[in-house]
Amino acid sequence: MFGSNRLRGGRFQDRKIGVCDRYAAPKSRTYQEGEVSHEKMRARTRLLQALHSKDPEAIKQARADAIKAGYNNAAVGAIGRTPSDVFLFSKLPEADQRAILRQANKDEFDRYIGHAHVKLRVPMRQERAGKQAEAPGPSSAPAPQIRGAAASPPPARPTLPPSPAQAWPPRFNDLRLR
């Protein structure tokens, strides 16, 4: 289904294929049987070949043939623009998109984030930026302690617990300390 992308393999790719098979890939095409679907496939292939050859006359003819085969103008315009794996990712439910984006490496994240549900784009970018900020860099290592040196002095006054209004919602650090 994903062509050569499947050969790159790995756990992430297997999960993406399984999720796309479950939600985005049709199991049967009862609405298009026989010659109609074959003609649409041929028209799509001719359009992709014409786009690849960059021949304006062939592209114009292939577009007309695709419309005659049953594609609408928007579908003809989308052919060749969006790779199939990205298109299928865009059709997944939000929870699956979130899970895939969390497992993605930098290149995959950049490839798919623009096609995620609009509600997910900003939070996932912020989450990714937070993960990068948490990862210590080579120069952020703490300075080595000298034996026998005095530790930093304790704070002058103890910190007060937050008021009930400030205590909700609990933060991760609050839960970890309990």
Protein backbone atom coordinates (compact mmCIF):
# COMPACT_ATOMS: atom_id res chain seq x y z
CA MET A 1 0.00 0.00 0.00
CA PHE A 2 2.82 2.43 0.79
CA GLY A 3 5.19 1.33 -1.98
CA SER A 4 8.86 1.62 -1.16
CA ASN A 5 8.12 3.24 2.23
CA ARG A 6 7.26 -0.17 3.62
CA LEU A 7 10.74 -1.41 2.78
CA ARG A 8 12.20 1.10 5.22
CA GLY A 9 10.37 -0.93 7.83
CA GLY A 10 10.64 -0.65 11.53
CA ARG A 11 8.16 -0.54 14.34
CA PHE A 12 6.88 2.93 13.45
CA GLN A 13 6.17 1.96 9.84
CA ASP A 14 4.41 -1.25 10.87
CA ARG A 15 2.17 0.64 13.30
CA LYS A 16 1.35 3.25 10.67
CA ILE A 17 0.43 0.58 8.12
CA GLY A 18 -1.75 -1.28 10.61
CA VAL A 19 -3.61 1.85 11.65
CA CYS A 20 -4.10 2.98 8.06
CA ASP A 21 -5.41 -0.47 7.12
CA ARG A 22 -7.90 -0.28 9.98
CA TYR A 23 -9.24 3.27 9.45
CA ALA A 24 -8.32 4.70 6.07
CA ALA A 25 -8.03 1.85 3.56
CA PRO A 26 -11.30 0.64 2.06
CA LYS A 27 -11.99 -3.07 2.49
CA SER A 28 -14.31 -3.28 -0.48
CA ARG A 29 -15.38 -1.02 -3.29
CA THR A 30 -19.00 -1.79 -3.84
CA TYR A 31 -19.59 1.60 -5.43
CA GLN A 32 -17.08 1.03 -8.24
CA GLU A 33 -17.04 -2.29 -9.95
CA GLY A 34 -15.26 -3.53 -13.01
CA GLU A 35 -14.39 -1.26 -15.87
CA VAL A 36 -15.17 2.04 -14.12
CA SER A 37 -12.50 1.55 -11.46
CA HIS A 38 -10.01 0.21 -14.00
CA GLU A 39 -10.55 3.22 -16.23
CA LYS A 40 -10.03 5.57 -13.28
CA MET A 41 -6.80 3.76 -12.37
CA ARG A 42 -5.56 4.05 -15.95
CA ALA A 43 -6.47 7.76 -16.05
CA ARG A 44 -4.63 8.36 -12.76
CA THR A 45 -1.56 6.51 -14.04
CA ARG A 46 -1.55 8.52 -17.28
CA LEU A 47 -1.85 11.76 -15.29
CA LEU A 48 1.06 10.80 -13.03
CA GLN A 49 3.19 9.92 -16.05
CA ALA A 50 2.32 13.22 -17.72
CA LEU A 51 3.15 15.15 -14.56
CA HIS A 52 6.47 13.31 -14.34
CA SER A 53 7.33 14.10 -17.96
CA LYS A 54 6.36 17.79 -17.44
CA ASP A 55 4.81 17.94 -20.91
CA PRO A 56 2.06 20.61 -20.71
CA GLU A 57 0.04 19.17 -23.60
CA ALA A 58 0.13 15.64 -22.13
CA ILE A 59 -0.87 16.98 -18.70
CA LYS A 60 -3.82 18.85 -20.20
CA GLN A 61 -4.99 15.74 -22.07
CA ALA A 62 -4.50 13.47 -19.04
CA ARG A 63 -6.52 15.85 -16.84
CA ALA A 64 -9.36 15.82 -19.35
CA ASP A 65 -9.22 12.00 -19.50
CA ALA A 66 -9.29 11.75 -15.70
CA ILE A 67 -12.37 13.99 -15.49
CA LYS A 68 -14.02 11.93 -18.22
CA ALA A 69 -13.22 8.75 -16.24
CA GLY A 70 -15.11 10.08 -13.22
CA TYR A 71 -12.70 12.16 -11.14
CA ASN A 72 -13.87 15.62 -10.04
CA ASN A 73 -11.66 18.72 -10.44
CA ALA A 74 -10.45 18.68 -6.82
CA ALA A 75 -9.45 15.02 -7.04
CA VAL A 76 -7.58 15.61 -10.29
CA GLY A 77 -5.74 18.52 -8.71
CA ALA A 78 -4.72 16.39 -5.73
CA ILE A 79 -3.23 13.58 -7.83
CA GLY A 80 0.53 13.73 -7.65
CA ARG A 81 0.59 16.42 -4.97
CA THR A 82 0.24 14.39 -1.78
CA PRO A 83 2.02 11.07 -1.24
CA SER A 84 -0.28 8.18 -0.38
CA ASP A 85 1.11 7.58 3.12
CA VAL A 86 0.63 11.25 4.01
CA PHE A 87 -2.90 11.20 2.58
CA LEU A 88 -3.81 8.11 4.60
CA PHE A 89 -2.30 9.64 7.75
CA SER A 90 -4.54 12.68 7.30
CA LYS A 91 -7.63 10.41 7.38
CA LEU A 92 -6.77 8.76 10.73
CA PRO A 93 -8.54 9.58 14.01
CA GLU A 94 -6.88 12.12 16.30
CA ALA A 95 -5.74 9.54 18.87
CA ASP A 96 -3.90 7.49 16.26
CA GLN A 97 -2.31 10.57 14.71
CA ARG A 98 -1.12 11.65 18.17
CA ALA A 99 0.38 8.19 18.85
CA ILE A 100 2.14 8.10 15.49
CA LEU A 101 3.54 11.62 15.87
CA ARG A 102 4.87 10.79 19.35
CA GLN A 103 6.81 7.82 17.97
CA ALA A 104 8.04 9.63 14.86
CA ASN A 105 11.62 10.75 14.37
CA LYS A 106 12.34 14.35 13.32
CA ASP A 107 11.99 13.77 9.56
CA GLU A 108 8.75 11.81 9.90
CA PHE A 109 7.34 14.39 12.33
CA ASP A 110 8.08 17.21 9.89
CA ARG A 111 6.52 15.22 7.03
CA TYR A 112 3.24 14.42 8.80
CA ILE A 113 2.57 17.33 11.18
CA GLY A 114 1.23 19.59 8.43
CA HIS A 115 -1.39 16.96 7.55
CA ALA A 116 -2.52 16.24 11.14
CA HIS A 117 -5.87 17.40 12.48
CA VAL A 118 -5.78 21.15 13.11
CA LYS A 119 -6.42 20.66 16.85
CA LEU A 120 -3.29 18.49 17.13
CA ARG A 121 -0.74 20.62 15.29
CA VAL A 122 0.10 23.22 17.94
CA PRO A 123 0.02 20.89 20.97
CA MET A 124 2.15 18.27 19.23
CA ARG A 125 4.71 20.89 18.12
CA GLN A 126 4.84 22.21 21.70
CA GLU A 127 5.23 18.70 23.07
CA ARG A 128 8.03 18.00 20.61
CA ALA A 129 9.76 21.28 21.53
CA GLY A 130 9.42 20.40 25.23
CA LYS A 131 11.08 17.02 24.67
CA GLN A 132 13.98 18.68 22.88
CA ALA A 133 14.34 21.23 25.69
CA GLU A 134 14.37 18.45 28.33
CA ALA A 135 17.11 16.49 26.60
CA PRO A 136 20.40 17.69 28.08
CA GLY A 137 22.95 18.93 25.60
CA PRO A 138 26.67 18.25 25.87
CA SER A 139 27.39 21.70 27.39
CA SER A 140 24.56 21.62 29.94
CA ALA A 141 26.25 19.10 32.25
CA PRO A 142 26.54 20.33 35.86
CA ALA A 143 29.91 21.48 37.05
CA PRO A 144 31.84 18.83 39.02
CA GLN A 145 31.70 19.16 42.82
CA ILE A 146 34.92 19.63 44.74
CA ARG A 147 35.23 17.33 47.75
CA GLY A 148 34.99 19.13 51.04
CA ALA A 149 33.48 22.24 49.47
CA ALA A 150 30.45 23.70 51.21
CA ALA A 151 27.09 23.20 49.57
CA SER A 152 24.94 26.19 48.72
CA PRO A 153 23.27 27.74 51.78
CA PRO A 154 19.65 26.78 52.50
CA PRO A 155 16.94 29.28 51.60
CA ALA A 156 16.28 32.01 54.18
CA ARG A 157 12.62 31.09 54.73
CA PRO A 158 10.68 27.94 53.90
CA THR A 159 8.39 27.97 50.89
CA LEU A 160 4.68 27.92 51.62
CA PRO A 161 2.38 25.37 49.99
CA PRO A 162 0.32 26.82 47.14
CA SER A 163 -3.21 28.02 47.78
CA PRO A 164 -5.99 25.62 46.72
CA ALA A 165 -6.69 27.72 43.62
CA GLN A 166 -3.06 27.43 42.52
CA ALA A 167 -2.81 23.74 43.39
CA TRP A 168 -5.21 22.61 40.66
CA PRO A 169 -4.53 21.11 38.17
CA PRO A 170 -1.65 19.18 39.66
CA ARG A 171 1.60 19.35 37.76
CA PHE A 172 3.77 16.37 36.99
CA ASN A 173 6.37 17.40 39.59
CA ASP A 174 3.66 17.65 42.29
CA LEU A 175 2.53 14.09 41.61
CA ARG A 176 6.05 12.73 41.52
CA LEU A 177 6.94 14.11 44.95
CA ARG A 178 3.93 12.55 46.72
